[in-house]
Each structure stands twice: as C-alpha cells, then as structure tokens.
Amino acid sequence: MSGIIARKKDKGFTLVEVMVAILVLFISMMACLHALGLAVAHNMGNTMMEEAVRIEEEMMNELRNSAFSSLVDGKTDANVTRTVGRISRTFTVETTTQSLSVTGSRAIQIVVSWNLGGRTHYHSATSVISQGI
C-alpha cells in the first residue's frame, strides 16, 4: 500500500536538472548569436560590394558621357564617402585612362577599393571608349 502514495521527493524538477536545462539553452543561444553575427558580416560585405559597383557605374557613365577629347591618358585617385548601413564608409576610386593602338579609342579602368573587417577589398571595371564617327 505504501507504493501507491507518492513521496514528496519524487515531485517536480531538481536543482541539478534545472541548471542542466539552463546550460543547454545558454549554449544553443550562444551558437545562434554567433550564426547571426556571421550573417550580418556577410550581408555587410555584399552591401559594400553593391555600393562599389554603383560607384563604378556612376564614374564610367560620367566618363562615357564626357567629350572624347577630355579623356587624357593617366591615372587619377579620388575618395568617395557613402552611407552604407547607417555608417559613413570611404571608398577609394582609381581611374586609369590609356590610349589604344586603334586610332580614336581609349581604355578606361576603374578600381574601387574599401576596407572591411581588417582587409582591403577591390572591384574593377574596364571599358573601351571610341571617338564618334
């Protein structure tokens, strides 16, 4: 008959069980937090790349729309500051113009660089512009 009556020791969770459950939750939450940090860093890298491509496109269109005689061989450097993810970021733009062996044609190369995560990243675009007939 004594087996039918529950003892008070068998009811609820012990302190050790609660502590183990909290530890398991803590470890899983830390893993999720780390994954979130990696996702944010990867997203920022992609956003910076998109902004670099946008800067290159603007510069290339500006050069294509300028008079052919104003395109002089040489290299120019400029800094462009843009707001990316609510933070002001600086991009370095290097433009190289070079005459080609074909008369009336010039090659233009634009290289945009930026720093992110302690590393310098680059993106470049090249185009050939010919003098109108």
Protein backbone atom coordinates (compact mmCIF):
# COMPACT_ATOMS: atom_id res chain seq x y z
CA MET A 1 0.00 0.00 0.00
CA SER A 2 2.89 2.34 0.61
CA GLY A 3 3.84 2.12 -3.10
CA ILE A 4 0.59 3.83 -4.15
CA ILE A 5 1.20 7.02 -2.21
CA ALA A 6 3.69 9.33 -3.94
CA ARG A 7 6.57 10.56 -1.92
CA LYS A 8 7.30 14.29 -1.81
CA LYS A 9 10.86 13.72 -3.11
CA ASP A 10 9.59 12.49 -6.50
CA LYS A 11 7.59 15.62 -7.43
CA GLY A 12 8.97 18.41 -9.73
CA PHE A 13 12.47 19.08 -11.05
CA THR A 14 15.64 19.02 -9.04
CA LEU A 15 18.01 21.97 -8.97
CA VAL A 16 20.56 19.98 -10.99
CA GLU A 17 18.01 19.31 -13.75
CA VAL A 18 17.09 22.99 -13.92
CA MET A 19 20.76 24.01 -14.08
CA VAL A 20 21.46 21.50 -16.89
CA ALA A 21 18.44 22.78 -18.84
CA ILE A 22 19.65 26.38 -18.45
CA LEU A 23 23.15 25.36 -19.58
CA VAL A 24 21.79 23.65 -22.70
CA LEU A 25 19.67 26.72 -23.53
CA PHE A 26 22.67 29.02 -22.97
CA ILE A 27 24.92 27.01 -25.30
CA SER A 28 22.27 26.87 -28.03
CA MET A 29 21.60 30.62 -27.75
CA MET A 30 25.33 31.37 -28.00
CA ALA A 31 25.50 29.28 -31.19
CA CYS A 32 22.54 31.20 -32.63
CA LEU A 33 24.16 34.51 -31.70
CA HIS A 34 27.39 33.51 -33.44
CA ALA A 35 25.47 32.50 -36.57
CA LEU A 36 23.65 35.84 -36.51
CA GLY A 37 26.97 37.69 -36.31
CA LEU A 38 28.30 35.77 -39.32
CA ALA A 39 25.15 36.56 -41.30
CA VAL A 40 25.40 40.28 -40.52
CA ALA A 41 29.09 40.36 -41.52
CA HIS A 42 28.37 38.54 -44.79
CA ASN A 43 25.47 40.89 -45.54
CA MET A 44 27.67 43.95 -44.92
CA GLY A 45 30.27 42.56 -47.32
CA ASN A 46 27.63 42.16 -50.03
CA THR A 47 26.23 45.63 -49.36
CA MET A 48 29.70 47.18 -49.66
CA MET A 49 30.27 45.30 -52.95
CA GLU A 50 26.95 46.59 -54.32
CA GLU A 51 27.91 50.15 -53.38
CA ALA A 52 31.32 49.74 -55.06
CA VAL A 53 29.63 48.56 -58.27
CA ARG A 54 27.24 51.53 -58.07
CA ILE A 55 30.19 53.94 -57.72
CA GLU A 56 31.98 52.32 -60.69
CA GLU A 57 28.87 52.56 -62.82
CA GLU A 58 28.40 56.25 -61.99
CA MET A 59 32.04 57.04 -62.77
CA MET A 60 32.00 55.01 -66.01
CA ASN A 61 28.81 56.70 -67.22
CA GLU A 62 30.29 60.10 -66.40
CA LEU A 63 33.38 59.30 -68.49
CA ARG A 64 31.33 57.86 -71.36
CA ASN A 65 29.18 60.99 -71.48
CA SER A 66 32.15 63.38 -71.46
CA ALA A 67 33.80 64.68 -74.62
CA PHE A 68 36.33 62.23 -76.09
CA SER A 69 38.98 64.97 -76.24
CA SER A 70 38.70 65.44 -72.46
CA LEU A 71 39.85 61.85 -71.82
CA VAL A 72 43.56 62.22 -71.14
CA ASP A 73 45.91 59.31 -70.55
CA GLY A 74 46.88 58.90 -66.92
CA LYS A 75 45.76 57.83 -63.50
CA THR A 76 43.59 59.71 -61.02
CA ASP A 77 42.64 58.86 -57.44
CA ALA A 78 39.60 60.04 -55.53
CA ASN A 79 37.85 59.23 -52.28
CA VAL A 80 34.09 58.78 -52.26
CA THR A 81 32.17 58.72 -48.97
CA ARG A 82 28.84 56.94 -48.88
CA THR A 83 26.46 55.93 -46.12
CA VAL A 84 26.21 52.14 -46.01
CA GLY A 85 24.10 50.57 -43.30
CA ARG A 86 23.77 53.86 -41.41
CA ILE A 87 27.57 54.14 -41.23
CA SER A 88 29.69 56.51 -43.31
CA ARG A 89 32.16 54.47 -45.40
CA THR A 90 35.01 55.70 -47.59
CA PHE A 91 35.75 54.12 -50.97
CA THR A 92 38.94 54.83 -52.91
CA VAL A 93 38.39 55.17 -56.65
CA GLU A 94 41.35 54.84 -59.03
CA THR A 95 40.67 55.71 -62.68
CA THR A 96 43.20 54.82 -65.39
CA THR A 97 42.82 56.07 -68.96
CA GLN A 98 45.07 54.68 -71.69
CA SER A 99 45.18 55.20 -75.46
CA LEU A 100 44.87 52.03 -77.50
CA SER A 101 46.73 51.18 -80.69
CA VAL A 102 43.44 51.57 -82.55
CA THR A 103 43.11 55.21 -83.53
CA GLY A 104 40.39 57.03 -81.67
CA SER A 105 39.96 54.51 -78.86
CA ARG A 106 40.82 54.64 -75.18
CA ALA A 107 40.63 52.01 -72.45
CA ILE A 108 39.28 53.10 -69.10
CA GLN A 109 39.75 51.05 -65.97
CA ILE A 110 38.08 51.96 -62.68
CA VAL A 111 39.16 50.20 -59.48
CA VAL A 112 37.17 50.78 -56.30
CA SER A 113 38.69 49.65 -53.00
CA TRP A 114 37.39 49.68 -49.44
CA ASN A 115 38.33 48.32 -46.03
CA LEU A 116 36.07 45.92 -44.18
CA GLY A 117 36.94 43.53 -41.39
CA GLY A 118 40.62 44.48 -41.41
CA ARG A 119 41.00 43.58 -45.10
CA THR A 120 41.10 45.67 -48.27
CA HIS A 121 38.60 44.59 -50.92
CA TYR A 122 38.69 45.54 -54.62
CA HIS A 123 36.28 45.64 -57.53
CA SER A 124 37.22 46.77 -61.02
CA ALA A 125 35.53 47.56 -64.31
CA THR A 126 37.10 48.15 -67.71
CA SER A 127 35.58 49.70 -70.82
CA VAL A 128 36.74 50.85 -74.24
CA ILE A 129 35.50 54.22 -75.47
CA SER A 130 35.80 55.12 -79.15
CA GLN A 131 35.60 58.50 -80.78
CA GLY A 132 32.35 59.05 -82.67
CA ILE A 133 32.42 58.95 -86.45
